[in-house]
Amino acid sequence: MTEITQGLIVSGLGLLITFASLGLLILVIVVLNKLFPYKEEAEKGEGDNNAETAVVIETAVSGDEDTELAVVIAAALSITQSQTGSSLGASLLEGRSSFWGTRQASSMTHNLQRK
């Protein structure tokens, strides 16, 4: 057996093992999805959040002053977070900032000066 033939056999076996393991992984995922189907969770409204906050505050009122303060802070943070939306991808929608434009212009000027 020549080196080229041996290399082709090893490469073929590597590809076969890789795709077989990926196929097995896909099969496991499909079986698990059949055994444990996705269940839709009921969406919580703002009224539910406020009701939970009221229950927590009523429970903590009987505690000491530090506990009451901690509960009030937690309730305020919870209400604030439920009212504000996430701006996680907002900067991606804005596009490139002016930094990139000035960098590109200075780079072009530098390249022209070098010629």
N, C-alpha and C. Protein backbone atom coordinates (compact mmCIF):
# COMPACT_ATOMS: atom_id res chain seq x y z
N MET A 1 0.84 -1.17 0.00
CA MET A 1 0.00 0.00 0.00
C MET A 1 0.90 1.24 0.00
N THR A 2 0.63 2.16 -0.91
CA THR A 2 1.45 3.36 -1.01
C THR A 2 0.99 4.39 0.01
N GLU A 3 1.81 5.42 0.15
CA GLU A 3 1.49 6.48 1.11
C GLU A 3 0.22 7.24 0.71
N ILE A 4 0.03 7.44 -0.59
CA ILE A 4 -1.16 8.15 -1.06
C ILE A 4 -2.42 7.36 -0.76
N THR A 5 -2.37 6.05 -1.01
CA THR A 5 -3.52 5.20 -0.73
C THR A 5 -3.83 5.19 0.76
N GLN A 6 -2.80 5.07 1.56
CA GLN A 6 -2.99 5.07 3.01
C GLN A 6 -3.57 6.41 3.48
N GLY A 7 -3.11 7.50 2.93
CA GLY A 7 -3.63 8.82 3.29
C GLY A 7 -5.09 8.96 2.91
N LEU A 8 -5.46 8.46 1.73
CA LEU A 8 -6.86 8.52 1.30
C LEU A 8 -7.76 7.67 2.20
N ILE A 9 -7.27 6.50 2.60
CA ILE A 9 -8.05 5.63 3.48
C ILE A 9 -8.26 6.31 4.85
N VAL A 10 -7.20 6.88 5.40
CA VAL A 10 -7.32 7.55 6.70
C VAL A 10 -8.25 8.76 6.59
N SER A 11 -8.14 9.52 5.51
CA SER A 11 -9.04 10.67 5.32
C SER A 11 -10.48 10.22 5.18
N GLY A 12 -10.72 9.19 4.41
CA GLY A 12 -12.07 8.66 4.24
C GLY A 12 -12.66 8.16 5.55
N LEU A 13 -11.86 7.44 6.32
CA LEU A 13 -12.34 6.97 7.62
C LEU A 13 -12.64 8.15 8.55
N GLY A 14 -11.80 9.17 8.52
CA GLY A 14 -12.05 10.35 9.35
C GLY A 14 -13.36 11.03 8.98
N LEU A 15 -13.60 11.20 7.68
CA LEU A 15 -14.85 11.81 7.23
C LEU A 15 -16.04 10.94 7.60
N LEU A 16 -15.90 9.63 7.42
CA LEU A 16 -16.98 8.70 7.74
C LEU A 16 -17.33 8.75 9.23
N ILE A 17 -16.32 8.74 10.08
CA ILE A 17 -16.55 8.80 11.53
C ILE A 17 -17.18 10.13 11.93
N THR A 18 -16.70 11.23 11.33
CA THR A 18 -17.24 12.55 11.65
C THR A 18 -18.71 12.65 11.29
N PHE A 19 -19.07 12.27 10.07
CA PHE A 19 -20.46 12.38 9.65
C PHE A 19 -21.35 11.38 10.35
N ALA A 20 -20.83 10.21 10.70
CA ALA A 20 -21.62 9.24 11.45
C ALA A 20 -21.92 9.77 12.85
N SER A 21 -20.94 10.41 13.48
CA SER A 21 -21.19 10.96 14.82
C SER A 21 -22.16 12.13 14.75
N LEU A 22 -22.07 12.96 13.71
CA LEU A 22 -23.05 14.05 13.56
C LEU A 22 -24.45 13.50 13.32
N GLY A 23 -24.56 12.43 12.51
CA GLY A 23 -25.86 11.79 12.30
C GLY A 23 -26.42 11.22 13.58
N LEU A 24 -25.55 10.61 14.40
CA LEU A 24 -25.98 10.08 15.69
C LEU A 24 -26.46 11.20 16.61
N LEU A 25 -25.75 12.32 16.60
CA LEU A 25 -26.16 13.46 17.42
C LEU A 25 -27.53 13.99 16.98
N ILE A 26 -27.76 14.08 15.69
CA ILE A 26 -29.06 14.53 15.16
C ILE A 26 -30.15 13.55 15.58
N LEU A 27 -29.86 12.26 15.51
CA LEU A 27 -30.82 11.24 15.91
C LEU A 27 -31.17 11.36 17.40
N VAL A 28 -30.17 11.59 18.24
CA VAL A 28 -30.41 11.77 19.67
C VAL A 28 -31.29 13.00 19.91
N ILE A 29 -31.03 14.10 19.21
CA ILE A 29 -31.82 15.32 19.37
C ILE A 29 -33.27 15.08 18.96
N VAL A 30 -33.49 14.38 17.85
CA VAL A 30 -34.85 14.10 17.38
C VAL A 30 -35.58 13.22 18.39
N VAL A 31 -34.90 12.19 18.90
CA VAL A 31 -35.54 11.30 19.87
C VAL A 31 -35.89 12.07 21.15
N LEU A 32 -34.98 12.91 21.62
CA LEU A 32 -35.26 13.69 22.82
C LEU A 32 -36.41 14.67 22.61
N ASN A 33 -36.51 15.26 21.41
CA ASN A 33 -37.63 16.15 21.11
C ASN A 33 -38.95 15.39 21.08
N LYS A 34 -38.93 14.14 20.65
CA LYS A 34 -40.15 13.33 20.65
C LYS A 34 -40.54 12.94 22.07
N LEU A 35 -39.55 12.63 22.92
CA LEU A 35 -39.83 12.24 24.29
C LEU A 35 -40.25 13.42 25.16
N PHE A 36 -39.60 14.55 24.96
CA PHE A 36 -39.87 15.74 25.77
C PHE A 36 -40.23 16.92 24.86
N PRO A 37 -41.49 16.98 24.40
CA PRO A 37 -41.88 18.07 23.50
C PRO A 37 -41.84 19.42 24.21
N TYR A 38 -41.66 20.48 23.43
CA TYR A 38 -41.59 21.84 23.96
C TYR A 38 -42.97 22.27 24.41
N LYS A 39 -43.04 22.83 25.61
CA LYS A 39 -44.31 23.32 26.14
C LYS A 39 -44.26 24.84 26.20
N GLU A 40 -45.29 25.47 25.66
CA GLU A 40 -45.38 26.92 25.69
C GLU A 40 -45.66 27.37 27.12
N GLU A 41 -44.91 28.35 27.60
CA GLU A 41 -45.16 28.90 28.92
C GLU A 41 -46.10 30.08 28.79
N ALA A 42 -46.96 30.22 29.75
CA ALA A 42 -47.89 31.35 29.74
C ALA A 42 -47.12 32.63 30.01
N GLU A 43 -47.40 33.66 29.22
CA GLU A 43 -46.71 34.93 29.39
C GLU A 43 -47.27 35.64 30.62
N LYS A 44 -46.33 36.19 31.39
CA LYS A 44 -46.76 36.93 32.57
C LYS A 44 -47.00 38.38 32.17
N GLY A 45 -48.11 38.91 32.65
CA GLY A 45 -48.42 40.31 32.40
C GLY A 45 -47.84 41.17 33.50
N GLU A 46 -47.94 42.47 33.33
CA GLU A 46 -47.44 43.38 34.35
C GLU A 46 -48.24 43.25 35.64
N GLY A 47 -49.50 42.90 35.55
CA GLY A 47 -50.33 42.74 36.74
C GLY A 47 -49.83 41.61 37.62
N ASP A 48 -49.40 40.51 37.00
CA ASP A 48 -48.86 39.39 37.76
C ASP A 48 -47.60 39.79 38.49
N ASN A 49 -46.74 40.56 37.84
CA ASN A 49 -45.48 40.98 38.45
C ASN A 49 -45.74 41.88 39.65
N ASN A 50 -46.68 42.79 39.49
CA ASN A 50 -47.00 43.69 40.60
C ASN A 50 -47.64 42.93 41.76
N ALA A 51 -48.46 41.91 41.47
CA ALA A 51 -49.08 41.13 42.52
C ALA A 51 -48.02 40.35 43.29
N GLU A 52 -47.05 39.77 42.57
CA GLU A 52 -45.97 39.05 43.24
C GLU A 52 -45.15 40.00 44.11
N THR A 53 -44.88 41.20 43.62
CA THR A 53 -44.12 42.17 44.38
C THR A 53 -44.87 42.55 45.66
N ALA A 54 -46.19 42.71 45.57
CA ALA A 54 -46.99 43.06 46.74
C ALA A 54 -46.94 41.94 47.78
N VAL A 55 -46.99 40.69 47.32
CA VAL A 55 -46.93 39.57 48.25
C VAL A 55 -45.59 39.53 48.96
N VAL A 56 -44.50 39.77 48.22
CA VAL A 56 -43.17 39.77 48.82
C VAL A 56 -43.05 40.90 49.84
N ILE A 57 -43.57 42.07 49.51
CA ILE A 57 -43.48 43.21 50.43
C ILE A 57 -44.29 42.94 51.69
N GLU A 58 -45.50 42.37 51.55
CA GLU A 58 -46.32 42.06 52.72
C GLU A 58 -45.64 41.03 53.61
N THR A 59 -44.97 40.07 53.00
CA THR A 59 -44.28 39.05 53.77
C THR A 59 -43.12 39.64 54.55
N ALA A 60 -42.42 40.59 53.95
CA ALA A 60 -41.22 41.14 54.58
C ALA A 60 -41.52 42.24 55.58
N VAL A 61 -42.73 42.75 55.60
CA VAL A 61 -43.05 43.84 56.52
C VAL A 61 -42.87 43.40 57.97
N SER A 62 -43.08 42.13 58.23
CA SER A 62 -42.95 41.65 59.60
C SER A 62 -41.50 41.49 60.02
N GLY A 63 -40.52 41.64 59.07
CA GLY A 63 -39.10 41.49 59.38
C GLY A 63 -38.49 42.75 59.96
N ASP A 64 -37.19 42.73 60.12
CA ASP A 64 -36.51 43.90 60.66
C ASP A 64 -36.33 44.97 59.59
N GLU A 65 -35.72 46.08 59.95
CA GLU A 65 -35.61 47.24 59.05
C GLU A 65 -34.74 46.94 57.83
N ASP A 66 -33.64 46.20 58.02
CA ASP A 66 -32.76 45.88 56.89
C ASP A 66 -33.46 44.99 55.88
N THR A 67 -34.23 44.05 56.35
CA THR A 67 -34.97 43.16 55.45
C THR A 67 -36.00 43.95 54.66
N GLU A 68 -36.69 44.86 55.33
CA GLU A 68 -37.68 45.68 54.64
C GLU A 68 -37.04 46.53 53.56
N LEU A 69 -35.88 47.10 53.87
CA LEU A 69 -35.17 47.93 52.89
C LEU A 69 -34.74 47.09 51.68
N ALA A 70 -34.25 45.90 51.94
CA ALA A 70 -33.82 45.02 50.85
C ALA A 70 -34.99 44.64 49.96
N VAL A 71 -36.14 44.38 50.57
CA VAL A 71 -37.32 44.01 49.78
C VAL A 71 -37.81 45.19 48.95
N VAL A 72 -37.80 46.38 49.51
CA VAL A 72 -38.23 47.57 48.77
C VAL A 72 -37.30 47.82 47.58
N ILE A 73 -36.00 47.67 47.78
CA ILE A 73 -35.04 47.85 46.68
C ILE A 73 -35.26 46.80 45.61
N ALA A 74 -35.46 45.54 46.03
CA ALA A 74 -35.71 44.47 45.06
C ALA A 74 -36.99 44.72 44.27
N ALA A 75 -38.03 45.20 44.94
CA ALA A 75 -39.29 45.49 44.26
C ALA A 75 -39.11 46.63 43.26
N ALA A 76 -38.40 47.67 43.66
CA ALA A 76 -38.17 48.80 42.75
C ALA A 76 -37.38 48.37 41.53
N LEU A 77 -36.36 47.55 41.73
CA LEU A 77 -35.57 47.05 40.59
C LEU A 77 -36.42 46.17 39.68
N SER A 78 -37.26 45.34 40.27
CA SER A 78 -38.12 44.46 39.48
C SER A 78 -39.09 45.27 38.61
N ILE A 79 -39.70 46.28 39.20
CA ILE A 79 -40.64 47.11 38.45
C ILE A 79 -39.91 47.89 37.36
N THR A 80 -38.74 48.41 37.66
CA THR A 80 -37.97 49.17 36.67
C THR A 80 -37.57 48.29 35.50
N GLN A 81 -37.12 47.08 35.80
CA GLN A 81 -36.70 46.18 34.73
C GLN A 81 -37.87 45.71 33.88
N SER A 82 -39.05 45.57 34.47
CA SER A 82 -40.20 45.12 33.69
C SER A 82 -40.73 46.24 32.79
N GLN A 83 -40.49 47.50 33.14
CA GLN A 83 -41.01 48.61 32.36
C GLN A 83 -40.07 49.02 31.23
N THR A 84 -38.77 48.83 31.39
CA THR A 84 -37.84 49.24 30.35
C THR A 84 -37.55 48.07 29.43
N GLY A 85 -37.46 48.34 28.14
CA GLY A 85 -37.14 47.31 27.17
C GLY A 85 -35.64 47.13 27.05
N SER A 86 -35.27 46.03 26.49
CA SER A 86 -33.85 45.74 26.31
C SER A 86 -33.34 46.45 25.06
N SER A 87 -32.19 47.08 25.16
CA SER A 87 -31.59 47.75 24.00
C SER A 87 -30.32 47.01 23.58
N LEU A 88 -30.37 45.69 23.68
CA LEU A 88 -29.20 44.87 23.43
C LEU A 88 -28.68 45.03 22.00
N GLY A 89 -29.53 45.07 21.01
CA GLY A 89 -29.08 45.14 19.64
C GLY A 89 -29.22 46.52 19.01
N ALA A 90 -29.48 47.53 19.80
CA ALA A 90 -29.72 48.87 19.26
C ALA A 90 -28.48 49.41 18.57
N SER A 91 -27.31 49.17 19.12
CA SER A 91 -26.10 49.69 18.51
C SER A 91 -25.80 49.00 17.17
N LEU A 92 -26.27 47.78 17.00
CA LEU A 92 -26.07 47.09 15.72
C LEU A 92 -26.90 47.72 14.61
N LEU A 93 -28.05 48.25 14.96
CA LEU A 93 -28.93 48.87 13.96
C LEU A 93 -28.43 50.25 13.54
N GLU A 94 -27.62 50.89 14.37
CA GLU A 94 -27.14 52.23 14.06
C GLU A 94 -26.11 52.24 12.94
N GLY A 95 -25.40 51.16 12.76
CA GLY A 95 -24.36 51.11 11.74
C GLY A 95 -23.03 51.56 12.31
N ARG A 96 -22.10 51.82 11.43
CA ARG A 96 -20.76 52.21 11.87
C ARG A 96 -20.75 53.63 12.41
N SER A 97 -19.94 53.84 13.41
CA SER A 97 -19.85 55.17 14.00
C SER A 97 -18.90 56.04 13.18
N SER A 98 -18.75 57.28 13.55
CA SER A 98 -17.88 58.20 12.82
C SER A 98 -16.42 57.80 12.98
N PHE A 99 -16.09 57.02 14.00
CA PHE A 99 -14.72 56.56 14.20
C PHE A 99 -14.21 55.81 12.97
N TRP A 100 -15.04 54.94 12.40
CA TRP A 100 -14.61 54.14 11.26
C TRP A 100 -14.41 55.00 10.03
N GLY A 101 -15.25 56.00 9.85
CA GLY A 101 -15.10 56.88 8.69
C GLY A 101 -13.81 57.67 8.74
N THR A 102 -13.46 58.22 9.91
CA THR A 102 -12.23 58.98 10.04
C THR A 102 -11.01 58.08 9.92
N ARG A 103 -11.11 56.85 10.43
CA ARG A 103 -9.99 55.91 10.30
C ARG A 103 -9.76 55.57 8.83
N GLN A 104 -10.83 55.36 8.10
CA GLN A 104 -10.70 55.00 6.70
C GLN A 104 -10.13 56.18 5.91
N ALA A 105 -10.58 57.39 6.19
CA ALA A 105 -10.09 58.57 5.49
C ALA A 105 -8.61 58.81 5.80
N SER A 106 -8.22 58.66 7.06
CA SER A 106 -6.81 58.88 7.41
C SER A 106 -5.94 57.80 6.81
N SER A 107 -6.45 56.59 6.72
CA SER A 107 -5.70 55.50 6.11
C SER A 107 -5.49 55.76 4.62
N MET A 108 -6.52 56.25 3.94
CA MET A 108 -6.40 56.54 2.51
C MET A 108 -5.41 57.69 2.29
N THR A 109 -5.48 58.70 3.14
CA THR A 109 -4.55 59.82 3.04
C THR A 109 -3.11 59.36 3.26
N HIS A 110 -2.93 58.50 4.23
CA HIS A 110 -1.60 57.98 4.53
C HIS A 110 -1.06 57.15 3.35
N ASN A 111 -1.92 56.34 2.75
CA ASN A 111 -1.50 55.53 1.60
C ASN A 111 -1.15 56.40 0.40
N LEU A 112 -1.90 57.49 0.19
CA LEU A 112 -1.61 58.37 -0.93
C LEU A 112 -0.28 59.10 -0.72
N GLN A 113 0.00 59.45 0.52
CA GLN A 113 1.25 60.14 0.82
C GLN A 113 2.45 59.22 0.63
N ARG A 114 2.27 57.94 0.85
CA ARG A 114 3.37 57.00 0.71
C ARG A 114 3.74 56.80 -0.76
N LYS A 115 2.77 56.95 -1.66
CA LYS A 115 3.03 56.75 -3.09
C LYS A 115 3.70 57.95 -3.62
